[in-house]
Every structure is written in structure tokens, then in C-alpha cells.
């Protein structure tokens, strides 16, 4: 997978209530959730994010409740991947299960600026900024998680396994 988009930067401990505030959980409609994505952290995000953009964040991204709606909101909003120093375990697993790439880089948040246009190359485990030509590396996605992502998420992956034996 290779993608190109803008960077949206966030700090440490971005919890699921910042990603999709609880008051919007009255509907599981992905479009409704996307319209309020990251509203608790940046009110301009949902109206400004474009398909293919990236979130680059600090440590413990996705902490808090285990709500899958946080991942659904970001994915439907157009986020191509999330790059962070670390993730809350349940958020990380929800993202993989729902087909949203999440990768770990200890240097990306300190190396890339808000609005940088970057190319994300999953095969090379790298992000390259077009403005600075700076390349930052991220940890390779584990093979078992990559197979799930390549299938579009856990449910398509299992359906494929059941179909193909």
C-alpha cells in the first residue's frame, strides 16, 4: 500500500472521547461519526480532512474506552493511516480489525509538520515529506496484521479463509 496525503498532528494521550465524543454515539452511521471525527481535539478536522490524509501523533493514541466507533469515524472521514509513538492496545486491535493501518514511529510526530504532504509506503515502512524531502521510518506491520489489513479487515479476512479453506 502506498498513499499520499496531508499530515494532521496530535500529541500524547488522544483518547477515544476526543476522537469521537460520546454525545455522538447516538448513531452508528459511519457518515454521522465521520462528521464529528476528532472534534474533541480539533474542531476543524472533520471539515478539513481529505481522503488519504494521515494522523501523526505522540504516545498512547486511542486510549480510553474500547469504542470501535473511534476507528470507524476516522476511517470514514478518509484517514489513510495513523502513525504514532504508541497506541492503546484495544484501539490498535480495533483499527487492524476494521482495516485502518496503524503504525508505530517514535520520530514521526517530532519530524513532520502539520500540513506536510507525505507519501506513505507500507512496503518500505516509511513516510516521506514532499516539502522537506525528509523520510521517517516506522516499524513494519506484523505479518498477521498485514494479512488482515490486506483483506480489508478481520471480517473480510475470515470470510476469505472460510471460502478458501
Protein backbone atom coordinates (compact mmCIF):
# COMPACT_ATOMS: atom_id res chain seq x y z
CA UNK A 1 0.00 0.00 0.00
CA UNK A 2 1.19 3.42 -0.90
CA UNK A 3 -0.77 6.60 -0.26
CA UNK A 4 -0.26 10.35 -0.39
CA UNK A 5 -1.90 12.95 1.83
CA UNK A 6 -1.54 15.68 4.42
CA UNK A 7 -0.39 15.30 8.00
CA UNK A 8 -2.68 16.14 10.90
CA UNK A 9 -0.59 16.28 14.11
CA UNK A 10 -1.79 15.43 17.58
CA UNK A 11 0.01 14.99 20.88
CA UNK A 12 0.06 12.31 23.55
CA UNK A 13 -2.90 10.54 25.14
CA UNK A 14 -5.51 11.26 22.47
CA UNK A 15 -8.40 9.30 23.92
CA UNK A 16 -11.41 7.85 22.16
CA UNK A 17 -13.67 10.57 23.58
CA UNK A 18 -11.52 13.16 21.79
CA UNK A 19 -11.64 11.07 18.60
CA UNK A 20 -15.45 10.70 18.70
CA UNK A 21 -17.14 12.39 21.65
CA UNK A 22 -19.65 10.20 23.45
CA UNK A 23 -22.56 12.55 22.69
CA UNK A 24 -22.35 11.45 19.03
CA UNK A 25 -22.69 7.75 19.78
CA UNK A 26 -26.45 8.00 19.32
CA UNK A 27 -25.94 6.62 15.82
CA UNK A 28 -23.61 4.00 14.39
CA UNK A 29 -23.91 5.52 10.92
CA UNK A 30 -20.31 5.93 9.66
CA UNK A 31 -21.14 9.24 7.92
CA UNK A 32 -22.55 10.66 11.16
CA UNK A 33 -19.46 9.55 13.09
CA UNK A 34 -17.08 10.92 10.43
CA UNK A 35 -18.78 14.32 10.58
CA UNK A 36 -17.59 14.58 14.20
CA UNK A 37 -14.20 12.85 13.92
CA UNK A 38 -11.52 14.34 16.21
CA UNK A 39 -13.99 17.01 17.31
CA UNK A 40 -12.79 16.81 20.89
CA UNK A 41 -9.19 17.52 19.85
CA UNK A 42 -9.54 19.73 16.75
CA UNK A 43 -12.90 21.17 15.69
CA UNK A 44 -11.56 21.83 12.15
CA UNK A 45 -10.52 18.22 11.49
CA UNK A 46 -13.82 16.74 10.25
CA UNK A 47 -14.44 19.57 7.80
CA UNK A 48 -10.82 19.77 6.63
CA UNK A 49 -9.62 16.18 6.43
CA UNK A 50 -9.43 14.75 2.93
CA UNK A 51 -9.37 11.18 1.74
CA UNK A 52 -5.81 9.91 2.05
CA UNK A 53 -4.71 12.20 4.89
CA UNK A 54 -2.71 10.90 7.86
CA UNK A 55 -2.80 11.35 11.57
CA UNK A 56 0.64 11.61 13.15
CA UNK A 57 0.57 11.53 16.94
CA UNK A 58 2.51 11.04 20.12
CA UNK A 59 2.21 8.26 22.67
CA UNK A 60 -0.86 6.29 23.73
CA UNK A 61 -3.11 7.21 20.81
CA UNK A 62 -6.64 5.82 21.22
CA UNK A 63 -6.57 5.35 24.98
CA UNK A 64 -9.79 5.35 26.96
CA UNK A 65 -12.86 3.34 26.11
CA UNK A 66 -12.81 0.45 23.66
CA UNK A 67 -15.34 2.02 21.28
CA UNK A 68 -14.93 0.83 17.70
CA UNK A 69 -16.73 3.97 16.58
CA UNK A 70 -13.47 5.89 17.04
CA UNK A 71 -11.84 3.86 14.27
CA UNK A 72 -14.99 3.94 12.13
CA UNK A 73 -15.14 7.75 12.39
CA UNK A 74 -11.51 8.17 11.29
CA UNK A 75 -11.68 5.63 8.51
CA UNK A 76 -14.91 7.05 7.08
CA UNK A 77 -13.51 10.59 7.35
CA UNK A 78 -10.80 9.50 4.91
CA UNK A 79 -7.79 8.89 7.16
CA UNK A 80 -5.43 6.56 5.25
CA UNK A 81 -3.32 5.57 8.28
CA UNK A 82 -2.33 6.63 11.77
CA UNK A 83 1.32 6.92 12.74
CA UNK A 84 2.03 7.29 16.45
CA UNK A 85 4.74 6.70 19.03
CA UNK A 86 2.43 4.12 20.61
CA UNK A 87 -1.20 3.04 20.67
CA UNK A 88 -3.61 1.86 23.30
CA UNK A 89 -3.81 -1.91 22.70
CA UNK A 90 -7.56 -2.12 22.13
CA UNK A 91 -7.53 0.84 19.71
CA UNK A 92 -4.67 -0.74 17.77
CA UNK A 93 -6.54 -4.04 17.52
CA UNK A 94 -9.82 -2.33 16.55
CA UNK A 95 -8.01 -0.42 13.80
CA UNK A 96 -6.45 -3.58 12.34
CA UNK A 97 -9.77 -5.45 12.63
CA UNK A 98 -11.59 -2.65 10.80
CA UNK A 99 -8.91 -2.29 8.10
CA UNK A 100 -7.26 1.00 9.14
CA UNK A 101 -3.44 0.85 9.07
CA UNK A 102 -1.80 1.90 12.34
CA UNK A 103 1.98 2.04 12.54
CA UNK A 104 4.50 2.89 15.22
CA UNK A 105 7.18 5.53 14.71
CA UNK A 106 8.98 7.14 17.61
CA UNK A 107 10.20 10.01 15.43
CA UNK A 108 7.35 10.91 13.05
CA UNK A 109 5.47 13.31 15.35
CA UNK A 110 8.67 15.25 16.04
CA UNK A 111 9.83 15.18 12.41
CA UNK A 112 6.73 16.06 10.39
CA UNK A 113 4.82 19.32 10.46
CA UNK A 114 1.07 19.87 10.42
CA UNK A 115 0.00 20.08 6.78
CA UNK A 116 3.11 18.38 5.33
CA UNK A 117 2.21 16.34 2.28
CA UNK A 118 3.69 12.89 2.72
CA UNK A 119 3.91 9.64 0.85
CA UNK A 120 3.20 6.61 3.00
CA UNK A 121 4.87 3.43 1.79
CA UNK A 122 3.84 0.40 3.80
CA UNK A 123 6.27 -1.92 1.98
CA UNK A 124 9.25 0.33 2.79
CA UNK A 125 7.90 1.21 6.27
CA UNK A 126 8.42 4.89 5.53
CA UNK A 127 6.80 8.31 5.30
CA UNK A 128 8.46 10.88 3.04
CA UNK A 129 7.64 14.57 3.25
CA UNK A 130 7.37 16.30 -0.12
CA UNK A 131 8.20 19.71 1.34
CA UNK A 132 11.35 18.76 3.26
CA UNK A 133 12.27 15.52 1.44
CA UNK A 134 12.68 14.09 4.96
CA UNK A 135 11.96 10.37 5.28
CA UNK A 136 10.92 8.89 8.60
CA UNK A 137 10.70 5.21 9.26
CA UNK A 138 8.05 3.25 11.11
CA UNK A 139 8.04 -0.26 12.48
CA UNK A 140 6.96 -2.85 9.93
CA UNK A 141 3.42 -4.09 10.40
CA UNK A 142 3.45 -7.64 11.76
CA UNK A 143 2.63 -10.18 9.04
CA UNK A 144 -0.53 -11.46 10.71
CA UNK A 145 -1.86 -7.90 10.97
CA UNK A 146 -0.79 -7.10 7.40
CA UNK A 147 -2.80 -10.07 6.09
CA UNK A 148 -5.90 -8.75 7.87
CA UNK A 149 -5.30 -5.21 6.54
CA UNK A 150 -4.71 -6.52 3.00
CA UNK A 151 -8.11 -8.24 3.21
CA UNK A 152 -9.84 -5.02 4.29
CA UNK A 153 -10.29 -6.04 7.92
CA UNK A 154 -10.94 -9.05 10.10
CA UNK A 155 -14.39 -9.96 8.79
CA UNK A 156 -13.32 -9.99 5.10
CA UNK A 157 -10.18 -11.89 6.13
CA UNK A 158 -12.21 -14.60 7.92
CA UNK A 159 -14.72 -14.82 5.07
CA UNK A 160 -11.83 -15.36 2.67
CA UNK A 161 -10.32 -18.04 4.88
CA UNK A 162 -13.68 -19.83 5.10
CA UNK A 163 -14.18 -19.60 1.33
CA UNK A 164 -10.71 -20.85 0.52
CA UNK A 165 -10.44 -23.45 3.27
